[in-house]
PDB file of all heavy atoms in Angstrom:
ATOM      1  N   ILE A   1       0.810  -1.222   0.000  1.00  0.00           N
ATOM      2  CA  ILE A   1       0.000   0.000   0.000  1.00  0.00           C
ATOM      3  C   ILE A   1       0.844   1.272   0.000  1.00  0.00           C
ATOM      4  O   ILE A   1       0.306   2.372  -0.141  1.00  0.00           O
ATOM      5  CB  ILE A   1      -0.959   0.014   1.216  1.00  0.00           C
ATOM      6  CG1 ILE A   1      -0.181  -0.022   2.522  1.00  0.00           C
ATOM      7  CG2 ILE A   1      -1.932  -1.143   1.147  1.00  0.00           C
ATOM      8  CD1 ILE A   1      -1.069   0.104   3.752  1.00  0.00           C
ATOM      9  N   TYR A   2       2.179   1.126   0.142  1.00  0.00           N
ATOM     10  CA  TYR A   2       3.040   2.311   0.193  1.00  0.00           C
ATOM     11  C   TYR A   2       4.075   2.264  -0.933  1.00  0.00           C
ATOM     12  O   TYR A   2       4.705   1.219  -1.177  1.00  0.00           O
ATOM     13  CB  TYR A   2       3.761   2.410   1.541  1.00  0.00           C
ATOM     14  CG  TYR A   2       2.847   2.637   2.721  1.00  0.00           C
ATOM     15  CD1 TYR A   2       2.575   1.609   3.623  1.00  0.00           C
ATOM     16  CD2 TYR A   2       2.258   3.881   2.929  1.00  0.00           C
ATOM     17  CE1 TYR A   2       1.737   1.815   4.711  1.00  0.00           C
ATOM     18  CE2 TYR A   2       1.422   4.097   4.011  1.00  0.00           C
ATOM     19  CZ  TYR A   2       1.166   3.064   4.888  1.00  0.00           C
ATOM     20  OH  TYR A   2       0.326   3.273   5.958  1.00  0.00           O
ATOM     21  N   LYS A   3       4.253   3.379  -1.594  1.00  0.00           N
ATOM     22  CA  LYS A   3       5.319   3.495  -2.593  1.00  0.00           C
ATOM     23  C   LYS A   3       6.674   3.683  -1.911  1.00  0.00           C
ATOM     24  O   LYS A   3       7.696   3.224  -2.418  1.00  0.00           O
ATOM     25  CB  LYS A   3       5.035   4.666  -3.526  1.00  0.00           C
ATOM     26  CG  LYS A   3       3.821   4.442  -4.426  1.00  0.00           C
ATOM     27  CD  LYS A   3       3.637   5.609  -5.378  1.00  0.00           C
ATOM     28  CE  LYS A   3       2.437   5.373  -6.298  1.00  0.00           C
ATOM     29  NZ  LYS A   3       2.234   6.518  -7.224  1.00  0.00           N
ATOM     30  N   ASN A   4       6.643   4.353  -0.769  1.00  0.00           N
ATOM     31  CA  ASN A   4       7.874   4.544  -0.006  1.00  0.00           C
ATOM     32  C   ASN A   4       8.330   3.202   0.567  1.00  0.00           C
ATOM     33  O   ASN A   4       7.617   2.553   1.342  1.00  0.00           O
ATOM     34  CB  ASN A   4       7.627   5.549   1.123  1.00  0.00           C
ATOM     35  CG  ASN A   4       8.888   5.844   1.908  1.00  0.00           C
ATOM     36  OD1 ASN A   4       9.355   5.011   2.667  1.00  0.00           O
ATOM     37  ND2 ASN A   4       9.426   7.037   1.739  1.00  0.00           N
ATOM     38  N   LYS A   5       9.526   2.759   0.185  1.00  0.00           N
ATOM     39  CA  LYS A   5      10.001   1.436   0.566  1.00  0.00           C
ATOM     40  C   LYS A   5      10.173   1.294   2.078  1.00  0.00           C
ATOM     41  O   LYS A   5       9.888   0.239   2.657  1.00  0.00           O
ATOM     42  CB  LYS A   5      11.327   1.140  -0.134  1.00  0.00           C
ATOM     43  CG  LYS A   5      11.186   0.930  -1.637  1.00  0.00           C
ATOM     44  CD  LYS A   5      12.529   0.559  -2.252  1.00  0.00           C
ATOM     45  CE  LYS A   5      12.388   0.322  -3.749  1.00  0.00           C
ATOM     46  NZ  LYS A   5      13.692  -0.051  -4.380  1.00  0.00           N
ATOM     47  N   GLU A   6      10.656   2.356   2.718  1.00  0.00           N
ATOM     48  CA  GLU A   6      10.878   2.286   4.162  1.00  0.00           C
ATOM     49  C   GLU A   6       9.560   2.101   4.914  1.00  0.00           C
ATOM     50  O   GLU A   6       9.463   1.278   5.835  1.00  0.00           O
ATOM     51  CB  GLU A   6      11.587   3.548   4.651  1.00  0.00           C
ATOM     52  CG  GLU A   6      11.921   3.512   6.132  1.00  0.00           C
ATOM     53  CD  GLU A   6      12.507   4.818   6.642  1.00  0.00           C
ATOM     54  OE1 GLU A   6      12.454   5.832   5.894  1.00  0.00           O
ATOM     55  OE2 GLU A   6      12.994   4.836   7.787  1.00  0.00           O
ATOM     56  N   THR A   7       8.553   2.874   4.515  1.00  0.00           N
ATOM     57  CA  THR A   7       7.247   2.772   5.172  1.00  0.00           C
ATOM     58  C   THR A   7       6.610   1.415   4.900  1.00  0.00           C
ATOM     59  O   THR A   7       6.020   0.807   5.798  1.00  0.00           O
ATOM     60  CB  THR A   7       6.315   3.899   4.705  1.00  0.00           C
ATOM     61  OG1 THR A   7       6.954   5.157   4.890  1.00  0.00           O
ATOM     62  CG2 THR A   7       5.012   3.885   5.487  1.00  0.00           C
ATOM     63  N   GLN A   8       6.730   0.944   3.653  1.00  0.00           N
ATOM     64  CA  GLN A   8       6.173  -0.367   3.317  1.00  0.00           C
ATOM     65  C   GLN A   8       6.852  -1.468   4.119  1.00  0.00           C
ATOM     66  O   GLN A   8       6.193  -2.395   4.608  1.00  0.00           O
ATOM     67  CB  GLN A   8       6.327  -0.638   1.818  1.00  0.00           C
ATOM     68  CG  GLN A   8       5.829  -2.007   1.368  1.00  0.00           C
ATOM     69  CD  GLN A   8       4.324  -2.191   1.592  1.00  0.00           C
ATOM     70  OE1 GLN A   8       3.548  -1.249   1.490  1.00  0.00           O
ATOM     71  NE2 GLN A   8       3.920  -3.422   1.901  1.00  0.00           N
ATOM     72  N   LYS A   9       8.169  -1.369   4.286  1.00  0.00           N
ATOM     73  CA  LYS A   9       8.887  -2.373   5.065  1.00  0.00           C
ATOM     74  C   LYS A   9       8.460  -2.348   6.529  1.00  0.00           C
ATOM     75  O   LYS A   9       8.272  -3.392   7.162  1.00  0.00           O
ATOM     76  CB  LYS A   9      10.396  -2.151   4.963  1.00  0.00           C
ATOM     77  CG  LYS A   9      11.230  -3.210   5.690  1.00  0.00           C
ATOM     78  CD  LYS A   9      12.705  -2.950   5.564  1.00  0.00           C
ATOM     79  CE  LYS A   9      13.505  -4.074   6.241  1.00  0.00           C
ATOM     80  NZ  LYS A   9      13.150  -4.241   7.647  1.00  0.00           N
ATOM     81  N   LYS A  10       8.334  -1.146   7.090  1.00  0.00           N
ATOM     82  CA  LYS A  10       7.898  -1.030   8.482  1.00  0.00           C
ATOM     83  C   LYS A  10       6.487  -1.582   8.640  1.00  0.00           C
ATOM     84  O   LYS A  10       6.191  -2.293   9.623  1.00  0.00           O
ATOM     85  CB  LYS A  10       7.964   0.433   8.929  1.00  0.00           C
ATOM     86  CG  LYS A  10       7.503   0.671  10.363  1.00  0.00           C
ATOM     87  CD  LYS A  10       8.353  -0.088  11.365  1.00  0.00           C
ATOM     88  CE  LYS A  10       9.767   0.450  11.402  1.00  0.00           C
ATOM     89  NZ  LYS A  10      10.554  -0.237  12.457  1.00  0.00           N
ATOM     90  N   TYR A  11       5.621  -1.293   7.664  1.00  0.00           N
ATOM     91  CA  TYR A  11       4.248  -1.811   7.691  1.00  0.00           C
ATOM     92  C   TYR A  11       4.262  -3.342   7.620  1.00  0.00           C
ATOM     93  O   TYR A  11       3.510  -4.013   8.346  1.00  0.00           O
ATOM     94  CB  TYR A  11       3.458  -1.219   6.525  1.00  0.00           C
ATOM     95  CG  TYR A  11       2.050  -1.733   6.403  1.00  0.00           C
ATOM     96  CD1 TYR A  11       1.108  -1.510   7.404  1.00  0.00           C
ATOM     97  CD2 TYR A  11       1.648  -2.457   5.278  1.00  0.00           C
ATOM     98  CE1 TYR A  11      -0.198  -1.980   7.292  1.00  0.00           C
ATOM     99  CE2 TYR A  11       0.354  -2.929   5.152  1.00  0.00           C
ATOM    100  CZ  TYR A  11      -0.566  -2.689   6.163  1.00  0.00           C
ATOM    101  OH  TYR A  11      -1.849  -3.154   6.040  1.00  0.00           O
ATOM    102  N   ALA A  12       5.119  -3.894   6.777  1.00  0.00           N
ATOM    103  CA  ALA A  12       5.219  -5.351   6.664  1.00  0.00           C
ATOM    104  C   ALA A  12       5.695  -5.971   7.978  1.00  0.00           C
ATOM    105  O   ALA A  12       5.214  -7.038   8.391  1.00  0.00           O
ATOM    106  CB  ALA A  12       6.172  -5.718   5.532  1.00  0.00           C
ATOM    107  N   ASP A  13       6.642  -5.308   8.631  1.00  0.00           N
ATOM    108  CA  ASP A  13       7.132  -5.803   9.922  1.00  0.00           C
ATOM    109  C   ASP A  13       5.999  -5.855  10.947  1.00  0.00           C
ATOM    110  O   ASP A  13       5.859  -6.836  11.694  1.00  0.00           O
ATOM    111  CB  ASP A  13       8.261  -4.910  10.447  1.00  0.00           C
ATOM    112  CG  ASP A  13       9.535  -5.058   9.633  1.00  0.00           C
ATOM    113  OD1 ASP A  13       9.671  -6.062   8.911  1.00  0.00           O
ATOM    114  OD2 ASP A  13      10.396  -4.148   9.720  1.00  0.00           O
ATOM    115  N   ILE A  14       5.218  -4.782  11.000  1.00  0.00           N
ATOM    116  CA  ILE A  14       4.107  -4.711  11.960  1.00  0.00           C
ATOM    117  C   ILE A  14       3.051  -5.761  11.621  1.00  0.00           C
ATOM    118  O   ILE A  14       2.516  -6.443  12.509  1.00  0.00           O
ATOM    119  CB  ILE A  14       3.501  -3.292  11.962  1.00  0.00           C
ATOM    120  CG1 ILE A  14       4.539  -2.282  12.445  1.00  0.00           C
ATOM    121  CG2 ILE A  14       2.255  -3.240  12.842  1.00  0.00           C
ATOM    122  CD1 ILE A  14       4.128  -0.833  12.242  1.00  0.00           C
ATOM    123  N   TRP A  15       2.754  -5.903  10.339  1.00  0.00           N
ATOM    124  CA  TRP A  15       1.779  -6.898   9.881  1.00  0.00           C
ATOM    125  C   TRP A  15       2.225  -8.308  10.273  1.00  0.00           C
ATOM    126  O   TRP A  15       1.441  -9.098  10.795  1.00  0.00           O
ATOM    127  CB  TRP A  15       1.618  -6.761   8.366  1.00  0.00           C
ATOM    128  CG  TRP A  15       0.678  -7.749   7.730  1.00  0.00           C
ATOM    129  CD1 TRP A  15       0.912  -9.079   7.506  1.00  0.00           C
ATOM    130  CD2 TRP A  15      -0.657  -7.490   7.258  1.00  0.00           C
ATOM    131  NE1 TRP A  15      -0.180  -9.662   6.908  1.00  0.00           N
ATOM    132  CE2 TRP A  15      -1.153  -8.710   6.740  1.00  0.00           C
ATOM    133  CE3 TRP A  15      -1.450  -6.355   7.193  1.00  0.00           C
ATOM    134  CZ2 TRP A  15      -2.428  -8.819   6.174  1.00  0.00           C
ATOM    135  CZ3 TRP A  15      -2.719  -6.471   6.637  1.00  0.00           C
ATOM    136  CH2 TRP A  15      -3.203  -7.677   6.137  1.00  0.00           C
ATOM    137  N   ASN A  16       3.487  -8.609  10.002  1.00  0.00           N
ATOM    138  CA  ASN A  16       4.001  -9.950  10.306  1.00  0.00           C
ATOM    139  C   ASN A  16       4.098 -10.198  11.804  1.00  0.00           C
ATOM    140  O   ASN A  16       3.951 -11.339  12.258  1.00  0.00           O
ATOM    141  CB  ASN A  16       5.364 -10.143   9.644  1.00  0.00           C
ATOM    142  CG  ASN A  16       5.255 -10.255   8.130  1.00  0.00           C
ATOM    143  OD1 ASN A  16       4.272 -10.774   7.606  1.00  0.00           O
ATOM    144  ND2 ASN A  16       6.261  -9.757   7.416  1.00  0.00           N
ATOM    145  N   ASP A  17       4.342  -9.134  12.569  1.00  0.00           N
ATOM    146  CA  ASP A  17       4.334  -9.272  14.032  1.00  0.00           C
ATOM    147  C   ASP A  17       2.957  -9.718  14.516  1.00  0.00           C
ATOM    148  O   ASP A  17       2.844 -10.545  15.433  1.00  0.00           O
ATOM    149  CB  ASP A  17       4.715  -7.952  14.699  1.00  0.00           C
ATOM    150  CG  ASP A  17       6.214  -7.681  14.643  1.00  0.00           C
ATOM    151  OD1 ASP A  17       6.969  -8.632  14.359  1.00  0.00           O
ATOM    152  OD2 ASP A  17       6.605  -6.529  14.883  1.00  0.00           O
ATOM    153  N   ARG A  18       1.917  -9.161  13.906  1.00  0.00           N
ATOM    154  CA  ARG A  18       0.554  -9.554  14.278  1.00  0.00           C
ATOM    155  C   ARG A  18       0.316 -11.021  13.943  1.00  0.00           C
ATOM    156  O   ARG A  18      -0.253 -11.773  14.754  1.00  0.00           O
ATOM    157  CB  ARG A  18      -0.476  -8.674  13.567  1.00  0.00           C
ATOM    158  CG  ARG A  18      -1.915  -9.059  13.886  1.00  0.00           C
ATOM    159  CD  ARG A  18      -2.926  -8.232  13.130  1.00  0.00           C
ATOM    160  NE  ARG A  18      -2.847  -8.431  11.685  1.00  0.00           N
ATOM    161  CZ  ARG A  18      -3.799  -8.055  10.826  1.00  0.00           C
ATOM    162  NH1 ARG A  18      -4.895  -7.448  11.289  1.00  0.00           N
ATOM    163  NH2 ARG A  18      -3.663  -8.248   9.536  1.00  0.00           N
ATOM    164  N   SER A  19       0.739 -11.451  12.755  1.00  0.00           N
ATOM    165  CA  SER A  19       0.586 -12.857  12.362  1.00  0.00           C
ATOM    166  C   SER A  19       1.331 -13.771  13.323  1.00  0.00           C
ATOM    167  O   SER A  19       0.808 -14.799  13.767  1.00  0.00           O
ATOM    168  CB  SER A  19       1.094 -13.062  10.934  1.00  0.00           C
ATOM    169  OG  SER A  19       0.436 -12.212  10.025  1.00  0.00           O
ATOM    170  N   ASP A  20       2.568 -13.387  13.654  1.00  0.00           N
ATOM    171  CA  ASP A  20       3.377 -14.191  14.574  1.00  0.00           C
ATOM    172  C   ASP A  20       2.725 -14.272  15.944  1.00  0.00           C
ATOM    173  O   ASP A  20       2.724 -15.332  16.590  1.00  0.00           O
ATOM    174  CB  ASP A  20       4.784 -13.603  14.705  1.00  0.00           C
ATOM    175  CG  ASP A  20       5.607 -13.758  13.434  1.00  0.00           C
ATOM    176  OD1 ASP A  20       5.252 -14.608  12.602  1.00  0.00           O
ATOM    177  OD2 ASP A  20       6.588 -13.004  13.273  1.00  0.00           O
ATOM    178  N   PHE A  21       2.188 -13.140  16.406  1.00  0.00           N
ATOM    179  CA  PHE A  21       1.518 -13.110  17.708  1.00  0.00           C
ATOM    180  C   PHE A  21       0.384 -14.121  17.750  1.00  0.00           C
ATOM    181  O   PHE A  21       0.253 -14.906  18.696  1.00  0.00           O
ATOM    182  CB  PHE A  21       0.985 -11.705  17.998  1.00  0.00           C
ATOM    183  CG  PHE A  21      -0.102 -11.676  19.041  1.00  0.00           C
ATOM    184  CD1 PHE A  21       0.203 -11.768  20.384  1.00  0.00           C
ATOM    185  CD2 PHE A  21      -1.442 -11.581  18.672  1.00  0.00           C
ATOM    186  CE1 PHE A  21      -0.803 -11.765  21.357  1.00  0.00           C
ATOM    187  CE2 PHE A  21      -2.446 -11.577  19.622  1.00  0.00           C
ATOM    188  CZ  PHE A  21      -2.127 -11.663  20.974  1.00  0.00           C
ATOM    189  N   LEU A  22      -0.437 -14.135  16.717  1.00  0.00           N
ATOM    190  CA  LEU A  22      -1.600 -15.016  16.699  1.00  0.00           C
ATOM    191  C   LEU A  22      -1.192 -16.478  16.601  1.00  0.00           C
ATOM    192  O   LEU A  22      -1.699 -17.331  17.337  1.00  0.00           O
ATOM    193  CB  LEU A  22      -2.515 -14.634  15.532  1.00  0.00           C
ATOM    194  CG  LEU A  22      -3.850 -15.384  15.435  1.00  0.00           C
ATOM    195  CD1 LEU A  22      -4.616 -15.287  16.745  1.00  0.00           C
ATOM    196  CD2 LEU A  22      -4.678 -14.835  14.280  1.00  0.00           C
ATOM    197  N   VAL A  23      -0.262 -16.786  15.710  1.00  0.00           N
ATOM    198  CA  VAL A  23       0.199 -18.166  15.550  1.00  0.00           C
ATOM    199  C   VAL A  23       0.854 -18.672  16.835  1.00  0.00           C
ATOM    200  O   VAL A  23       0.586 -19.794  17.290  1.00  0.00           O
ATOM    201  CB  VAL A  23       1.189 -18.265  14.363  1.00  0.00           C
ATOM    202  CG1 VAL A  23       1.899 -19.618  14.359  1.00  0.00           C
ATOM    203  CG2 VAL A  23       0.461 -18.053  13.040  1.00  0.00           C
ATOM    204  N   ASN A  24       1.701 -17.844  17.440  1.00  0.00           N
ATOM    205  CA  ASN A  24       2.375 -18.247  18.678  1.00  0.00           C
ATOM    206  C   ASN A  24       1.390 -18.417  19.826  1.00  0.00           C
ATOM    207  O   ASN A  24       1.555 -19.302  20.673  1.00  0.00           O
ATOM    208  CB  ASN A  24       3.447 -17.225  19.050  1.00  0.00           C
ATOM    209  CG  ASN A  24       4.608 -17.212  18.072  1.00  0.00           C
ATOM    210  OD1 ASN A  24       4.851 -18.191  17.381  1.00  0.00           O
ATOM    211  ND2 ASN A  24       5.324 -16.104  18.004  1.00  0.00           N
ATOM    212  N   ALA A  25       0.367 -17.571  19.860  1.00  0.00           N
ATOM    213  CA  ALA A  25      -0.649 -17.683  20.912  1.00  0.00           C
ATOM    214  C   ALA A  25      -1.437 -18.979  20.771  1.00  0.00           C
ATOM    215  O   ALA A  25      -1.784 -19.619  21.769  1.00  0.00           O
ATOM    216  CB  ALA A  25      -1.590 -16.478  20.861  1.00  0.00           C
ATOM    217  N   MET A  26      -1.715 -19.376  19.534  1.00  0.00           N
ATOM    218  CA  MET A  26      -2.403 -20.656  19.310  1.00  0.00           C
ATOM    219  C   MET A  26      -1.533 -21.820  19.767  1.00  0.00           C
ATOM    220  O   MET A  26      -2.004 -22.741  20.432  1.00  0.00           O
ATOM    221  CB  MET A  26      -2.753 -20.802  17.830  1.00  0.00           C
ATOM    222  CG  MET A  26      -3.852 -19.886  17.343  1.00  0.00           C
ATOM    223  SD  MET A  26      -4.123 -20.086  15.556  1.00  0.00           S
ATOM    224  CE  MET A  26      -5.557 -19.028  15.323  1.00  0.00           C
ATOM    225  N   GLN A  27      -0.262 -21.782  19.407  1.00  0.00           N
ATOM    226  CA  GLN A  27       0.652 -22.860  19.774  1.00  0.00           C
ATOM    227  C   GLN A  27       0.859 -22.923  21.281  1.00  0.00           C
ATOM    228  O   GLN A  27       1.062 -23.999  21.853  1.00  0.00           O
ATOM    229  CB  GLN A  27       2.000 -22.678  19.069  1.00  0.00           C
ATOM    230  CG  GLN A  27       2.991 -23.794  19.309  1.00  0.00           C
ATOM    231  CD  GLN A  27       2.486 -25.158  18.841  1.00  0.00           C
ATOM    232  OE1 GLN A  27       1.776 -25.258  17.840  1.00  0.00           O
ATOM    233  NE2 GLN A  27       2.832 -26.207  19.585  1.00  0.00           N
ATOM    234  N   ALA A  28       0.785 -21.772  21.934  1.00  0.00           N
ATOM    235  CA  ALA A  28       0.960 -21.710  23.395  1.00  0.00           C
ATOM    236  C   ALA A  28      -0.321 -22.020  24.152  1.00  0.00           C
ATOM    237  O   ALA A  28      -0.379 -21.900  25.374  1.00  0.00           O
ATOM    238  CB  ALA A  28       1.469 -20.323  23.787  1.00  0.00           C
ATOM    239  N   ASN A  29      -1.371 -22.412  23.427  1.00  0.00           N
ATOM    240  CA  ASN A  29      -2.654 -22.776  24.039  1.00  0.00           C
ATOM    241  C   ASN A  29      -3.321 -21.616  24.768  1.00  0.00           C
ATOM    242  O   ASN A  29      -3.964 -21.809  25.808  1.00  0.00           O
ATOM    243  CB  ASN A  29      -2.486 -23.972  24.990  1.00  0.00           C
ATOM    244  CG  ASN A  29      -2.165 -25.251  24.258  1.00  0.00           C
ATOM    245  OD1 ASN A  29      -2.647 -25.483  23.156  1.00  0.00           O
ATOM    246  ND2 ASN A  29      -1.327 -26.089  24.850  1.00  0.00           N
ATOM    247  N   ASN A  30      -3.181 -20.411  24.227  1.00  0.00           N
ATOM    248  CA  ASN A  30      -3.877 -19.259  24.804  1.00  0.00           C
ATOM    249  C   ASN A  30      -5.371 -19.296  24.512  1.00  0.00           C
ATOM    250  O   ASN A  30      -6.141 -18.557  25.127  1.00  0.00           O
ATOM    251  CB  ASN A  30      -3.292 -17.964  24.255  1.00  0.00           C
ATOM    252  CG  ASN A  30      -1.900 -17.684  24.778  1.00  0.00           C
ATOM    253  OD1 ASN A  30      -1.326 -18.510  25.476  1.00  0.00           O
ATOM    254  ND2 ASN A  30      -1.348 -16.539  24.442  1.00  0.00           N
ATOM    255  N   PHE A  31      -5.777 -20.147  23.582  1.00  0.00           N
ATOM    256  CA  PHE A  31      -7.184 -20.266  23.210  1.00  0.00           C
ATOM    257  C   PHE A  31      -7.658 -21.691  23.458  1.00  0.00           C
ATOM    258  O   PHE A  31      -6.857 -22.619  23.589  1.00  0.00           O
ATOM    259  CB  PHE A  31      -7.384 -19.894  21.736  1.00  0.00           C
ATOM    260  CG  PHE A  31      -6.776 -18.572  21.358  1.00  0.00           C
ATOM    261  CD1 PHE A  31      -5.635 -18.512  20.578  1.00  0.00           C
ATOM    262  CD2 PHE A  31      -7.331 -17.384  21.806  1.00  0.00           C
ATOM    263  CE1 PHE A  31      -5.059 -17.301  20.234  1.00  0.00           C
ATOM    264  CE2 PHE A  31      -6.762 -16.157  21.482  1.00  0.00           C
ATOM    265  CZ  PHE A  31      -5.626 -16.125  20.690  1.00  0.00           C
ATOM    266  N   ILE A  32      -8.972 -21.843  23.510  1.00  0.00           N
ATOM    267  CA  ILE A  32      -9.557 -23.166  23.744  1.00  0.00           C
ATOM    268  C   ILE A  32     -10.843 -23.272  22.936  1.00  0.00           C
ATOM    269  O   ILE A  32     -11.583 -22.283  22.782  1.00  0.00           O
ATOM    270  CB  ILE A  32      -9.816 -23.393  25.246  1.00  0.00           C
ATOM    271  CG1 ILE A  32     -10.090 -24.855  25.535  1.00  0.00           C
ATOM    272  CG2 ILE A  32     -10.918 -22.484  25.778  1.00  0.00           C
ATOM    273  CD1 ILE A  32      -9.942 -25.227  27.001  1.00  0.00           C
ATOM    274  N   HIS A  33     -11.092 -24.454  22.389  1.00  0.00           N
ATOM    275  CA  HIS A  33     -12.261 -24.636  21.545  1.00  0.00           C
ATOM    276  C   HIS A  33     -13.263 -25.550  22.236  1.00  0.00           C
ATOM    277  O   HIS A  33     -13.551 -26.646  21.769  1.00  0.00           O
ATOM    278  CB  HIS A  33     -11.861 -25.205  20.184  1.00  0.00           C
ATOM    279  CG  HIS A  33     -12.960 -25.148  19.161  1.00  0.00           C
ATOM    280  ND1 HIS A  33     -13.243 -24.015  18.428  1.00  0.00           N
ATOM    281  CD2 HIS A  33     -13.867 -26.074  18.775  1.00  0.00           C
ATOM    282  CE1 HIS A  33     -14.252 -24.257  17.616  1.00  0.00           C
ATOM    283  NE2 HIS A  33     -14.654 -25.498  17.815  1.00  0.00           N
ATOM    284  N   ASN A  34     -13.768 -25.098  23.379  1.00  0.00           N
ATOM    285  CA  ASN A  34     -14.823 -25.835  24.058  1.00  0.00           C
ATOM    286  C   ASN A  34     -16.117 -25.714  23.249  1.00  0.00           C
ATOM    287  O   ASN A  34     -16.574 -24.607  22.963  1.00  0.00           O
ATOM    288  CB  ASN A  34     -15.017 -25.285  25.475  1.00  0.00           C
ATOM    289  CG  ASN A  34     -16.123 -25.986  26.218  1.00  0.00           C
ATOM    290  OD1 ASN A  34     -17.284 -25.609  26.083  1.00  0.00           O
ATOM    291  ND2 ASN A  34     -15.780 -27.004  26.989  1.00  0.00           N
ATOM    292  N   LYS A  35     -16.680 -26.839  22.875  1.00  0.00           N
ATOM    293  CA  LYS A  35     -17.802 -26.847  21.938  1.00  0.00           C
ATOM    294  C   LYS A  35     -19.004 -26.070  22.452  1.00  0.00           C
ATOM    295  O   LYS A  35     -19.612 -25.280  21.716  1.00  0.00           O
ATOM    296  CB  LYS A  35     -18.204 -28.295  21.623  1.00  0.00           C
ATOM    297  CG  LYS A  35     -19.272 -28.414  20.552  1.00  0.00           C
ATOM    298  CD  LYS A  35     -19.553 -29.881  20.223  1.00  0.00           C
ATOM    299  CE  LYS A  35     -20.628 -29.990  19.139  1.00  0.00           C
ATOM    300  NZ  LYS A  35     -20.915 -31.425  18.812  1.00  0.00           N
ATOM    301  N   ALA A  36     -19.381 -26.273  23.704  1.00  0.00           N
ATOM    302  CA  ALA A  36     -20.570 -25.613  24.254  1.00  0.00           C
ATOM    303  C   ALA A  36     -20.401 -24.103  24.282  1.00  0.00           C
ATOM    304  O   ALA A  36     -21.302 -23.353  23.866  1.00  0.00           O
ATOM    305  CB  ALA A  36     -20.858 -26.145  25.659  1.00  0.00           C
ATOM    306  N   ILE A  37     -19.260 -23.636  24.766  1.00  0.00           N
ATOM    307  CA  ILE A  37     -19.023 -22.194  24.839  1.00  0.00           C
ATOM    308  C   ILE A  37     -18.899 -21.600  23.442  1.00  0.00           C
ATOM    309  O   ILE A  37     -19.473 -20.546  23.146  1.00  0.00           O
ATOM    310  CB  ILE A  37     -17.771 -21.904  25.679  1.00  0.00           C
ATOM    311  CG1 ILE A  37     -18.070 -22.161  27.158  1.00  0.00           C
ATOM    312  CG2 ILE A  37     -17.277 -20.474  25.474  1.00  0.00           C
ATOM    313  CD1 ILE A  37     -16.913 -21.905  28.085  1.00  0.00           C
ATOM    314  N   TYR A  38     -18.167 -22.274  22.574  1.00  0.00           N
ATOM    315  CA  TYR A  38     -17.999 -21.777  21.209  1.00  0.00           C
ATOM    316  C   TYR A  38     -19.363 -21.638  20.520  1.00  0.00           C
ATOM    317  O   TYR A  38     -19.657 -20.604  19.899  1.00  0.00           O
ATOM    318  CB  TYR A  38     -17.100 -22.710  20.405  1.00  0.00           C
ATOM    319  CG  TYR A  38     -16.918 -22.261  18.975  1.00  0.00           C
ATOM    320  CD1 TYR A  38     -15.878 -21.411  18.624  1.00  0.00           C
ATOM    321  CD2 TYR A  38     -17.795 -22.680  17.969  1.00  0.00           C
ATOM    322  CE1 TYR A  38     -15.700 -20.980  17.319  1.00  0.00           C
ATOM    323  CE2 TYR A  38     -17.637 -22.258  16.660  1.00  0.00           C
ATOM    324  CZ  TYR A  38     -16.587 -21.407  16.338  1.00  0.00           C
ATOM    325  OH  TYR A  38     -16.452 -20.982  15.041  1.00  0.00           O
ATOM    326  N   ASN A  39     -20.182 -22.656  20.612  1.00  0.00           N
ATOM    327  CA  ASN A  39     -21.484 -22.615  19.939  1.00  0.00           C
ATOM    328  C   ASN A  39     -22.366 -21.509  20.494  1.00  0.00           C
ATOM    329  O   ASN A  39     -23.130 -20.877  19.746  1.00  0.00           O
ATOM    330  CB  ASN A  39     -22.192 -23.961  20.074  1.00  0.00           C
ATOM    331  CG  ASN A  39     -21.549 -25.043  19.219  1.00  0.00           C
ATOM    332  OD1 ASN A  39     -20.757 -24.745  18.324  1.00  0.00           O
ATOM    333  ND2 ASN A  39     -21.874 -26.294  19.490  1.00  0.00           N
ATOM    334  N   TYR A  40     -22.291 -21.274  21.805  1.00  0.00           N
ATOM    335  CA  TYR A  40     -23.124 -20.228  22.402  1.00  0.00           C
ATOM    336  C   TYR A  40     -22.720 -18.849  21.882  1.00  0.00           C
ATOM    337  O   TYR A  40     -23.569 -18.044  21.492  1.00  0.00           O
ATOM    338  CB  TYR A  40     -22.993 -20.263  23.929  1.00  0.00           C
ATOM    339  CG  TYR A  40     -23.878 -19.257  24.622  1.00  0.00           C
ATOM    340  CD1 TYR A  40     -25.254 -19.465  24.726  1.00  0.00           C
ATOM    341  CD2 TYR A  40     -23.345 -18.083  25.156  1.00  0.00           C
ATOM    342  CE1 TYR A  40     -26.070 -18.533  25.347  1.00  0.00           C
ATOM    343  CE2 TYR A  40     -24.156 -17.150  25.779  1.00  0.00           C
ATOM    344  CZ  TYR A  40     -25.521 -17.385  25.876  1.00  0.00           C
ATOM    345  OH  TYR A  40     -26.332 -16.449  26.480  1.00  0.00           O
ATOM    346  N   VAL A  41     -21.420 -18.580  21.853  1.00  0.00           N
ATOM    347  CA  VAL A  41     -20.944 -17.286  21.362  1.00  0.00           C
ATOM    348  C   VAL A  41     -21.184 -17.158  19.865  1.00  0.00           C
ATOM    349  O   VAL A  41     -21.625 -16.112  19.369  1.00  0.00           O
ATOM    350  CB  VAL A  41     -19.452 -17.104  21.692  1.00  0.00           C
ATOM    351  CG1 VAL A  41     -18.921 -15.801  21.094  1.00  0.00           C
ATOM    352  CG2 VAL A  41     -19.233 -17.117  23.200  1.00  0.00           C
ATOM    353  N   ASP A  42     -20.914 -18.232  19.132  1.00  0.00           N
ATOM    354  CA  ASP A  42     -21.073 -18.189  17.678  1.00  0.00           C
ATOM    355  C   ASP A  42     -22.523 -17.954  17.279  1.00  0.00           C
ATOM    356  O   ASP A  42     -22.801 -17.311  16.247  1.00  0.00           O
ATOM    357  CB  ASP A  42     -20.560 -19.486  17.058  1.00  0.00           C
ATOM    358  CG  ASP A  42     -20.532 -19.430  15.539  1.00  0.00           C
ATOM    359  OD1 ASP A  42     -19.876 -18.516  14.997  1.00  0.00           O
ATOM    360  OD2 ASP A  42     -21.167 -20.284  14.893  1.00  0.00           O
ATOM    361  N   ALA A  43     -23.475 -18.460  18.072  1.00  0.00           N
ATOM    362  CA  ALA A  43     -24.889 -18.247  17.762  1.00  0.00           C
ATOM    363  C   ALA A  43     -25.236 -16.755  17.785  1.00  0.00           C
ATOM    364  O   ALA A  43     -26.039 -16.276  16.975  1.00  0.00           O
ATOM    365  CB  ALA A  43     -25.764 -19.015  18.755  1.00  0.00           C
TER     366      ALA A  43
END
């Protein structure tokens, strides 16, 4: 989204940090997929 290479690189770093945060949180079991609770919220 940026023509400026420095800004685009910084944006990519921030974007990838978010992806890493989510993937690492899943691997660290920060979330749980309890069927009853999930279905209630999803409804």
